[in-house]
Protein backbone atom coordinates (compact mmCIF):
# COMPACT_ATOMS: atom_id res chain seq x y z
CA UNK A 1 -3.74 15.61 -6.42
CA UNK A 2 -1.74 14.88 -3.07
CA UNK A 3 1.24 12.47 -2.90
CA UNK A 4 3.29 11.04 0.14
CA UNK A 5 6.54 9.91 0.26
CA UNK A 6 6.59 5.83 1.14
CA UNK A 7 9.81 5.58 3.41
CA UNK A 8 11.74 2.42 5.26
CA UNK A 9 14.81 3.07 6.71
CA UNK A 10 15.19 6.31 5.01
CA UNK A 11 14.62 5.17 1.53
CA UNK A 12 11.41 5.45 -0.16
CA UNK A 13 9.31 6.61 -3.28
CA UNK A 14 6.96 9.14 -4.25
CA UNK A 15 3.36 8.30 -5.08
CA UNK A 16 -0.01 9.46 -5.79
CA UNK A 17 -1.86 9.34 -2.76
CA UNK A 18 -5.21 7.56 -4.12
CA UNK A 19 -3.32 4.96 -5.95
CA UNK A 20 -1.76 4.38 -2.24
CA UNK A 21 -5.01 4.33 -0.51
CA UNK A 22 -6.07 1.74 -2.89
CA UNK A 23 -3.05 -0.34 -2.42
CA UNK A 24 -3.27 -0.14 0.87
CA UNK A 25 -7.04 -1.27 1.25
CA UNK A 26 -6.26 -4.40 -0.68
CA UNK A 27 -2.92 -4.95 1.42
CA UNK A 28 -5.42 -4.85 4.58
CA UNK A 29 -7.79 -6.87 3.25
CA UNK A 30 -5.27 -9.44 2.55
CA UNK A 31 -4.02 -9.14 6.34
CA UNK A 32 -7.20 -9.48 7.39
CA UNK A 33 -7.51 -12.72 6.11
CA UNK A 34 -4.99 -14.11 8.25
CA UNK A 35 -6.29 -16.10 10.72
CA UNK A 36 -3.83 -16.56 13.49
CA UNK A 37 -1.57 -12.98 13.32
CA UNK A 38 0.56 -11.73 16.12
CA UNK A 39 0.16 -8.67 18.00
CA UNK A 40 2.46 -6.68 16.09
CA UNK A 41 0.87 -7.61 12.86
CA UNK A 42 -2.40 -6.59 14.15
CA UNK A 43 -1.30 -3.40 15.15
CA UNK A 44 0.44 -2.54 11.68
CA UNK A 45 -2.66 -3.51 10.03
CA UNK A 46 -4.55 -1.06 11.70
CA UNK A 47 -2.18 1.56 10.66
CA UNK A 48 -2.35 -0.17 7.04
CA UNK A 49 -6.19 0.28 7.13
CA UNK A 50 -6.26 3.59 8.47
CA UNK A 51 -4.12 5.13 5.45
CA UNK A 52 -5.86 3.58 3.17
CA UNK A 53 -8.70 5.56 4.25
CA UNK A 54 -6.94 8.74 3.21
CA UNK A 55 -6.60 10.75 5.99
CA UNK A 56 -2.97 11.17 5.81
CA UNK A 57 -2.91 13.59 2.91
CA UNK A 58 0.69 14.21 1.50
CA UNK A 59 1.96 12.43 4.64
CA UNK A 60 1.10 8.94 4.71
CA UNK A 61 2.93 6.77 7.30
CA UNK A 62 1.62 3.65 8.15
CA UNK A 63 4.63 2.03 10.17
CA UNK A 64 7.05 0.48 7.82
CA UNK A 65 9.67 1.17 10.20
CA UNK A 66 8.12 0.65 13.42
CA UNK A 67 6.56 -2.85 12.48
CA UNK A 68 9.37 -4.35 10.15
CA UNK A 69 12.19 -4.36 12.55
CA UNK A 70 13.54 -7.81 11.81
CA UNK A 71 14.35 -10.13 9.07
CA UNK A 72 11.34 -12.24 10.18
CA UNK A 73 8.78 -9.95 9.82
CA UNK A 74 9.94 -8.57 6.87
CA UNK A 75 10.11 -11.97 5.20
CA UNK A 76 6.41 -12.33 6.47
CA UNK A 77 5.58 -8.98 4.69
CA UNK A 78 7.11 -9.67 1.31
CA UNK A 79 7.53 -13.41 0.59
CA UNK A 80 4.12 -14.08 2.07
CA UNK A 81 1.48 -11.11 2.72
CA UNK A 82 2.61 -8.83 -0.35
CA UNK A 83 2.59 -12.14 -2.70
CA UNK A 84 -0.86 -13.20 -1.27
CA UNK A 85 -2.07 -9.55 -1.93
CA UNK A 86 -0.94 -9.76 -5.51
CA UNK A 87 -2.56 -12.96 -6.14
CA UNK A 88 -6.06 -11.59 -4.88
CA UNK A 89 -5.74 -8.54 -7.34
CA UNK A 90 -4.96 -11.03 -10.05
CA UNK A 91 -7.89 -13.07 -9.40
CA UNK A 92 -10.18 -9.53 -10.02
CA UNK A 93 -8.61 -9.81 -14.21
CA UNK A 94 -6.94 -6.92 -15.41
CA UNK A 95 -9.12 -3.73 -14.02
CA UNK A 96 -10.93 -2.96 -10.95
CA UNK A 97 -14.30 -0.94 -11.57
CA UNK A 98 -14.77 2.67 -10.71
CA UNK A 99 -17.97 1.36 -8.76
CA UNK A 100 -15.90 -1.24 -6.64
CA UNK A 101 -13.15 1.64 -5.96
CA UNK A 102 -15.86 4.30 -4.88
CA UNK A 103 -17.35 1.25 -2.44
CA UNK A 104 -13.94 1.67 -0.23
CA UNK A 105 -14.75 5.02 0.13
CA UNK A 106 -15.23 5.83 4.01
CA UNK A 107 -15.10 10.00 4.04
CA UNK A 108 -16.47 11.68 1.01
CA UNK A 109 -14.75 15.02 2.57
CA UNK A 110 -11.25 13.94 2.08
CA UNK A 111 -11.41 10.87 -0.39
CA UNK A 112 -11.99 11.64 -4.41
CA UNK A 113 -14.64 9.36 -6.29
CA UNK A 114 -13.03 7.47 -9.16
CA UNK A 115 -14.72 7.94 -12.63
CA UNK A 116 -13.33 5.26 -14.29
CA UNK A 117 -11.49 1.93 -13.48
CA UNK A 118 -7.65 0.96 -12.54
CA UNK A 119 -5.73 -1.81 -14.51
CA UNK A 120 -4.92 -4.38 -11.80
CA UNK A 121 -1.00 -4.09 -12.95
CA UNK A 122 -0.58 -0.55 -11.65
CA UNK A 123 -1.59 -1.79 -7.94
CA UNK A 124 0.90 -4.63 -8.36
CA UNK A 125 3.43 -2.45 -9.27
CA UNK A 126 3.10 -0.98 -6.14
CA UNK A 127 2.97 -3.98 -4.34
CA UNK A 128 6.33 -4.46 -6.14
CA UNK A 129 7.90 -1.07 -4.88
CA UNK A 130 6.91 -2.07 -1.22
CA UNK A 131 8.69 -5.33 -1.86
CA UNK A 132 11.85 -3.58 -3.26
CA UNK A 133 11.34 -0.83 0.01
CA UNK A 134 11.35 -3.82 2.23
CA UNK A 135 14.23 -5.68 1.09
CA UNK A 136 16.57 -2.78 0.39
CA UNK A 137 16.89 -2.69 -3.32
CA UNK A 138 14.82 0.67 -3.34
CA UNK A 139 17.42 3.73 -2.26
CA UNK A 140 15.26 6.69 -3.64
CA UNK A 141 15.44 9.57 -1.19
CA UNK A 142 12.78 12.16 -0.71
CA UNK A 143 14.98 14.83 -2.47
CA UNK A 144 15.73 12.39 -5.50
CA UNK A 145 14.06 13.31 -8.90
CA UNK A 146 10.58 11.73 -9.46
CA UNK A 147 11.13 9.57 -12.64
CA UNK A 148 8.47 6.77 -12.27
CA UNK A 149 4.69 6.69 -12.37
CA UNK A 150 2.25 4.13 -10.85
């Protein structure tokens, strides 16, 4: 099972790639719903979607350092996009079915099929970690002990 260190400004967190892929899928869907996006957000979302498709096994990098470069962008990401993504997930109920999760697979050679549903709370937890990372609350280094589970 592959995992990646999701980083921003030299801090981050370790996470299983499959969970991060699903989280990024929903994050990408959320950004896609924004009608008028600045160019940087369009580019950022392209990287989010690409990483959601499993091509970056064990070295996922969807460009937080490249695109969240000032307070306004971080605020948009943390206070609008992540929050909206959480709301969209809560609308799905307690779980996302394996059938729905498998419908996101774009390359069967690199993405594993889901055999059971995933709790929405797990994905929301990842979004909360992304928010904490973005605002500087998460201060984990890639060499630190891994003590959390998504």
